[in-house]
PDB file of N, CA and C in Angstrom:
ATOM      1  N   MET A   1       0.831  -1.184   0.000  1.00  0.00           N
ATOM      2  CA  MET A   1       0.000   0.000   0.000  1.00  0.00           C
ATOM      3  C   MET A   1       0.878   1.251   0.000  1.00  0.00           C
ATOM      4  N   SER A   2       0.385   2.257  -0.675  1.00  0.00           N
ATOM      5  CA  SER A   2       1.128   3.516  -0.679  1.00  0.00           C
ATOM      6  C   SER A   2       0.812   4.293   0.603  1.00  0.00           C
ATOM      7  N   PHE A   3       1.624   5.270   0.841  1.00  0.00           N
ATOM      8  CA  PHE A   3       1.438   6.099   2.037  1.00  0.00           C
ATOM      9  C   PHE A   3       0.069   6.771   2.036  1.00  0.00           C
ATOM     10  N   LEU A   4      -0.366   7.235   0.871  1.00  0.00           N
ATOM     11  CA  LEU A   4      -1.663   7.900   0.766  1.00  0.00           C
ATOM     12  C   LEU A   4      -2.801   6.952   1.134  1.00  0.00           C
ATOM     13  N   ASN A   5      -2.736   5.728   0.683  1.00  0.00           N
ATOM     14  CA  ASN A   5      -3.772   4.751   1.030  1.00  0.00           C
ATOM     15  C   ASN A   5      -3.810   4.478   2.524  1.00  0.00           C
ATOM     16  N   VAL A   6      -2.666   4.410   3.144  1.00  0.00           N
ATOM     17  CA  VAL A   6      -2.609   4.177   4.592  1.00  0.00           C
ATOM     18  C   VAL A   6      -3.231   5.350   5.334  1.00  0.00           C
ATOM     19  N   VAL A   7      -2.896   6.574   4.924  1.00  0.00           N
ATOM     20  CA  VAL A   7      -3.451   7.768   5.579  1.00  0.00           C
ATOM     21  C   VAL A   7      -4.957   7.822   5.384  1.00  0.00           C
ATOM     22  N   LEU A   8      -5.433   7.573   4.176  1.00  0.00           N
ATOM     23  CA  LEU A   8      -6.874   7.616   3.921  1.00  0.00           C
ATOM     24  C   LEU A   8      -7.614   6.535   4.697  1.00  0.00           C
ATOM     25  N   ALA A   9      -7.005   5.375   4.856  1.00  0.00           N
ATOM     26  CA  ALA A   9      -7.635   4.309   5.632  1.00  0.00           C
ATOM     27  C   ALA A   9      -7.750   4.707   7.094  1.00  0.00           C
ATOM     28  N   GLN A  10      -6.761   5.377   7.617  1.00  0.00           N
ATOM     29  CA  GLN A  10      -6.800   5.811   9.013  1.00  0.00           C
ATOM     30  C   GLN A  10      -7.801   6.957   9.208  1.00  0.00           C
ATOM     31  N   VAL A  11      -7.850   7.856   8.263  1.00  0.00           N
ATOM     32  CA  VAL A  11      -8.769   8.993   8.361  1.00  0.00           C
ATOM     33  C   VAL A  11     -10.212   8.510   8.293  1.00  0.00           C
ATOM     34  N   GLU A  12     -10.475   7.534   7.468  1.00  0.00           N
ATOM     35  CA  GLU A  12     -11.833   7.039   7.315  1.00  0.00           C
ATOM     36  C   GLU A  12     -12.384   6.519   8.640  1.00  0.00           C
ATOM     37  N   HIS A  13     -11.549   5.930   9.456  1.00  0.00           N
ATOM     38  CA  HIS A  13     -11.995   5.415  10.748  1.00  0.00           C
ATOM     39  C   HIS A  13     -12.051   6.507  11.800  1.00  0.00           C
ATOM     40  N   ALA A  14     -11.422   7.631  11.537  1.00  0.00           N
ATOM     41  CA  ALA A  14     -11.350   8.691  12.537  1.00  0.00           C
ATOM     42  C   ALA A  14     -12.436   9.752  12.359  1.00  0.00           C
ATOM     43  N   LEU A  15     -13.232   9.672  11.313  1.00  0.00           N
ATOM     44  CA  LEU A  15     -14.258  10.691  11.088  1.00  0.00           C
ATOM     45  C   LEU A  15     -15.353  10.572  12.140  1.00  0.00           C
ATOM     46  N   PRO A  16     -15.777  11.695  12.703  1.00  0.00           N
ATOM     47  CA  PRO A  16     -16.776  11.642  13.772  1.00  0.00           C
ATOM     48  C   PRO A  16     -18.200  11.390  13.279  1.00  0.00           C
ATOM     49  N   MET A  17     -18.447  11.542  11.978  1.00  0.00           N
ATOM     50  CA  MET A  17     -19.787  11.315  11.444  1.00  0.00           C
ATOM     51  C   MET A  17     -19.666  10.758  10.034  1.00  0.00           C
ATOM     52  N   PRO A  18     -20.755  10.211   9.502  1.00  0.00           N
ATOM     53  CA  PRO A  18     -20.694   9.656   8.134  1.00  0.00           C
ATOM     54  C   PRO A  18     -20.324  10.737   7.111  1.00  0.00           C
ATOM     55  N   THR A  19     -19.714  10.318   6.034  1.00  0.00           N
ATOM     56  CA  THR A  19     -19.202  11.289   5.065  1.00  0.00           C
ATOM     57  C   THR A  19     -20.296  12.094   4.375  1.00  0.00           C
ATOM     58  N   PHE A  20     -21.495  11.525   4.179  1.00  0.00           N
ATOM     59  CA  PHE A  20     -22.541  12.297   3.500  1.00  0.00           C
ATOM     60  C   PHE A  20     -23.006  13.478   4.338  1.00  0.00           C
ATOM     61  N   VAL A  21     -22.791  13.434   5.648  1.00  0.00           N
ATOM     62  CA  VAL A  21     -23.181  14.546   6.516  1.00  0.00           C
ATOM     63  C   VAL A  21     -22.346  15.781   6.201  1.00  0.00           C
ATOM     64  N   TYR A  22     -21.092  15.583   5.844  1.00  0.00           N
ATOM     65  CA  TYR A  22     -20.252  16.729   5.461  1.00  0.00           C
ATOM     66  C   TYR A  22     -20.815  17.405   4.214  1.00  0.00           C
ATOM     67  N   GLY A  23     -21.308  16.628   3.286  1.00  0.00           N
ATOM     68  CA  GLY A  23     -21.939  17.194   2.098  1.00  0.00           C
ATOM     69  C   GLY A  23     -23.206  17.956   2.442  1.00  0.00           C
ATOM     70  N   LEU A  24     -23.988  17.411   3.378  1.00  0.00           N
ATOM     71  CA  LEU A  24     -25.201  18.105   3.805  1.00  0.00           C
ATOM     72  C   LEU A  24     -24.868  19.426   4.499  1.00  0.00           C
ATOM     73  N   ILE A  25     -23.832  19.418   5.310  1.00  0.00           N
ATOM     74  CA  ILE A  25     -23.418  20.653   5.978  1.00  0.00           C
ATOM     75  C   ILE A  25     -22.995  21.694   4.942  1.00  0.00           C
ATOM     76  N   ALA A  26     -22.219  21.277   3.949  1.00  0.00           N
ATOM     77  CA  ALA A  26     -21.807  22.204   2.890  1.00  0.00           C
ATOM     78  C   ALA A  26     -23.012  22.731   2.125  1.00  0.00           C
ATOM     79  N   LEU A  27     -23.978  21.859   1.847  1.00  0.00           N
ATOM     80  CA  LEU A  27     -25.189  22.279   1.141  1.00  0.00           C
ATOM     81  C   LEU A  27     -25.962  23.322   1.936  1.00  0.00           C
ATOM     82  N   VAL A  28     -26.083  23.123   3.230  1.00  0.00           N
ATOM     83  CA  VAL A  28     -26.794  24.086   4.084  1.00  0.00           C
ATOM     84  C   VAL A  28     -26.052  25.420   4.120  1.00  0.00           C
ATOM     85  N   ILE A  29     -24.735  25.373   4.211  1.00  0.00           N
ATOM     86  CA  ILE A  29     -23.955  26.618   4.232  1.00  0.00           C
ATOM     87  C   ILE A  29     -24.096  27.373   2.919  1.00  0.00           C
ATOM     88  N   PHE A  30     -23.980  26.667   1.790  1.00  0.00           N
ATOM     89  CA  PHE A  30     -24.136  27.326   0.494  1.00  0.00           C
ATOM     90  C   PHE A  30     -25.552  27.872   0.304  1.00  0.00           C
ATOM     91  N   ALA A  31     -26.550  27.156   0.793  1.00  0.00           N
ATOM     92  CA  ALA A  31     -27.929  27.651   0.700  1.00  0.00           C
ATOM     93  C   ALA A  31     -28.093  28.922   1.531  1.00  0.00           C
ATOM     94  N   ALA A  32     -27.522  28.939   2.730  1.00  0.00           N
ATOM     95  CA  ALA A  32     -27.611  30.133   3.573  1.00  0.00           C
ATOM     96  C   ALA A  32     -26.906  31.313   2.914  1.00  0.00           C
ATOM     97  N   LEU A  33     -25.737  31.070   2.340  1.00  0.00           N
ATOM     98  CA  LEU A  33     -25.044  32.148   1.639  1.00  0.00           C
ATOM     99  C   LEU A  33     -25.830  32.607   0.411  1.00  0.00           C
ATOM    100  N   GLY A  34     -26.486  31.683  -0.258  1.00  0.00           N
ATOM    101  CA  GLY A  34     -27.329  32.047  -1.393  1.00  0.00           C
ATOM    102  C   GLY A  34     -28.490  32.933  -0.980  1.00  0.00           C
ATOM    103  N   VAL A  35     -29.078  32.657   0.167  1.00  0.00           N
ATOM    104  CA  VAL A  35     -30.172  33.493   0.678  1.00  0.00           C
ATOM    105  C   VAL A  35     -29.656  34.892   0.993  1.00  0.00           C
ATOM    106  N   VAL A  36     -28.461  34.990   1.555  1.00  0.00           N
ATOM    107  CA  VAL A  36     -27.889  36.305   1.849  1.00  0.00           C
ATOM    108  C   VAL A  36     -27.650  37.085   0.563  1.00  0.00           C
ATOM    109  N   VAL A  37     -27.079  36.436  -0.437  1.00  0.00           N
ATOM    110  CA  VAL A  37     -26.839  37.111  -1.716  1.00  0.00           C
ATOM    111  C   VAL A  37     -28.160  37.506  -2.366  1.00  0.00           C
ATOM    112  N   TRP A  38     -29.144  36.632  -2.325  1.00  0.00           N
ATOM    113  CA  TRP A  38     -30.441  36.897  -2.934  1.00  0.00           C
ATOM    114  C   TRP A  38     -31.136  38.077  -2.251  1.00  0.00           C
ATOM    115  N   SER A  39     -30.916  38.252  -0.950  1.00  0.00           N
ATOM    116  CA  SER A  39     -31.582  39.324  -0.214  1.00  0.00           C
ATOM    117  C   SER A  39     -31.082  40.702  -0.632  1.00  0.00           C
ATOM    118  N   TYR A  40     -29.916  40.768  -1.273  1.00  0.00           N
ATOM    119  CA  TYR A  40     -29.380  42.058  -1.706  1.00  0.00           C
ATOM    120  C   TYR A  40     -29.760  42.406  -3.145  1.00  0.00           C
ATOM    121  N   ARG A  41     -30.632  41.628  -3.760  1.00  0.00           N
ATOM    122  CA  ARG A  41     -31.003  41.908  -5.132  1.00  0.00           C
ATOM    123  C   ARG A  41     -31.772  43.223  -5.227  1.00  0.00           C
ATOM    124  N   ASP A  42     -31.537  43.959  -6.262  1.00  0.00           N
ATOM    125  CA  ASP A  42     -32.274  45.181  -6.569  1.00  0.00           C
ATOM    126  C   ASP A  42     -32.147  46.255  -5.494  1.00  0.00           C
ATOM    127  N   VAL A  43     -31.069  46.245  -4.721  1.00  0.00           N
ATOM    128  CA  VAL A  43     -30.898  47.229  -3.658  1.00  0.00           C
ATOM    129  C   VAL A  43     -30.697  48.623  -4.240  1.00  0.00           C
ATOM    130  N   ALA A  44     -30.016  48.719  -5.358  1.00  0.00           N
ATOM    131  CA  ALA A  44     -29.735  50.032  -5.939  1.00  0.00           C
ATOM    132  C   ALA A  44     -31.025  50.760  -6.315  1.00  0.00           C
ATOM    133  N   ASN A  45     -32.034  50.048  -6.742  1.00  0.00           N
ATOM    134  CA  ASN A  45     -33.279  50.700  -7.136  1.00  0.00           C
ATOM    135  C   ASN A  45     -34.100  51.188  -5.948  1.00  0.00           C
ATOM    136  N   ARG A  46     -33.766  50.755  -4.762  1.00  0.00           N
ATOM    137  CA  ARG A  46     -34.502  51.221  -3.582  1.00  0.00           C
ATOM    138  C   ARG A  46     -34.120  52.649  -3.218  1.00  0.00           C
ATOM    139  N   HIS A  47     -32.951  53.085  -3.657  1.00  0.00           N
ATOM    140  CA  HIS A  47     -32.463  54.414  -3.330  1.00  0.00           C
ATOM    141  C   HIS A  47     -32.249  55.199  -4.619  1.00  0.00           C
ATOM    142  N   GLN A  48     -33.282  55.259  -5.423  1.00  0.00           N
ATOM    143  CA  GLN A  48     -33.153  55.843  -6.755  1.00  0.00           C
ATOM    144  C   GLN A  48     -32.862  57.340  -6.696  1.00  0.00           C
ATOM    145  N   THR A  49     -33.406  58.054  -5.719  1.00  0.00           N
ATOM    146  CA  THR A  49     -33.151  59.499  -5.648  1.00  0.00           C
ATOM    147  C   THR A  49     -31.691  59.774  -5.313  1.00  0.00           C
ATOM    148  N   LYS A  50     -31.116  58.994  -4.407  1.00  0.00           N
ATOM    149  CA  LYS A  50     -29.704  59.169  -4.086  1.00  0.00           C
ATOM    150  C   LYS A  50     -28.828  58.806  -5.278  1.00  0.00           C
ATOM    151  N   ALA A  51     -29.199  57.761  -5.984  1.00  0.00           N
ATOM    152  CA  ALA A  51     -28.424  57.351  -7.150  1.00  0.00           C
ATOM    153  C   ALA A  51     -28.486  58.410  -8.236  1.00  0.00           C
ATOM    154  N   GLN A  52     -29.640  58.996  -8.428  1.00  0.00           N
ATOM    155  CA  GLN A  52     -29.789  60.044  -9.443  1.00  0.00           C
ATOM    156  C   GLN A  52     -29.004  61.284  -9.050  1.00  0.00           C
ATOM    157  N   ALA A  53     -29.032  61.644  -7.778  1.00  0.00           N
ATOM    158  CA  ALA A  53     -28.258  62.802  -7.317  1.00  0.00           C
ATOM    159  C   ALA A  53     -26.765  62.562  -7.498  1.00  0.00           C
ATOM    160  N   TYR A  54     -26.298  61.364  -7.219  1.00  0.00           N
ATOM    161  CA  TYR A  54     -24.887  61.027  -7.414  1.00  0.00           C
ATOM    162  C   TYR A  54     -24.520  61.085  -8.893  1.00  0.00           C
ATOM    163  N   ALA A  55     -25.387  60.548  -9.749  1.00  0.00           N
ATOM    164  CA  ALA A  55     -25.119  60.559 -11.177  1.00  0.00           C
ATOM    165  C   ALA A  55     -25.086  61.981 -11.714  1.00  0.00           C
ATOM    166  N   ASP A  56     -26.007  62.810 -11.252  1.00  0.00           N
ATOM    167  CA  ASP A  56     -26.014  64.212 -11.702  1.00  0.00           C
ATOM    168  C   ASP A  56     -24.765  64.964 -11.239  1.00  0.00           C
ATOM    169  N   ALA A  57     -24.337  64.691 -10.015  1.00  0.00           N
ATOM    170  CA  ALA A  57     -23.179  65.381  -9.474  1.00  0.00           C
ATOM    171  C   ALA A  57     -21.882  64.976 -10.153  1.00  0.00           C
ATOM    172  N   HIS A  58     -21.844  63.767 -10.688  1.00  0.00           N
ATOM    173  CA  HIS A  58     -20.616  63.270 -11.286  1.00  0.00           C
ATOM    174  C   HIS A  58     -20.680  63.173 -12.814  1.00  0.00           C
ATOM    175  N   GLY A  59     -21.677  63.785 -13.399  1.00  0.00           N
ATOM    176  CA  GLY A  59     -21.740  63.886 -14.850  1.00  0.00           C
ATOM    177  C   GLY A  59     -22.128  62.618 -15.570  1.00  0.00           C
ATOM    178  N   ALA A  60     -22.735  61.679 -14.889  1.00  0.00           N
ATOM    179  CA  ALA A  60     -23.164  60.435 -15.556  1.00  0.00           C
ATOM    180  C   ALA A  60     -24.511  60.655 -16.229  1.00  0.00           C
ATOM    181  N   HIS A  61     -24.787  59.825 -17.191  1.00  0.00           N
ATOM    182  CA  HIS A  61     -26.069  59.909 -17.875  1.00  0.00           C
ATOM    183  C   HIS A  61     -27.143  59.307 -16.987  1.00  0.00           C
ATOM    184  N   GLY A  62     -28.288  59.922 -16.938  1.00  0.00           N
ATOM    185  CA  GLY A  62     -29.358  59.443 -16.085  1.00  0.00           C
ATOM    186  C   GLY A  62     -30.297  58.472 -16.755  1.00  0.00           C
ATOM    187  N   ASP A  63     -29.907  57.906 -17.914  1.00  0.00           N
ATOM    188  CA  ASP A  63     -30.815  57.018 -18.642  1.00  0.00           C
ATOM    189  C   ASP A  63     -30.729  55.564 -18.184  1.00  0.00           C
ATOM    190  N   HIS A  64     -29.898  55.219 -17.220  1.00  0.00           N
ATOM    191  CA  HIS A  64     -29.797  53.850 -16.734  1.00  0.00           C
ATOM    192  C   HIS A  64     -30.746  53.639 -15.614  1.00  0.00           C
TER     193      HIS A  64
END
């Protein structure tokens, strides 16, 4: 056996929970991060007057 196989065999017995649980934990974390990212959608349009004032002050076109 190679060194890598020996290490992987030892690690497999040392895991505190089944391996699919790690995937579930990652899925929950990514879902939570997705909810956070989704909650910031369309934030710029909520402050349209401030955005327009900034665009006017800095010479940007107001057609966006």
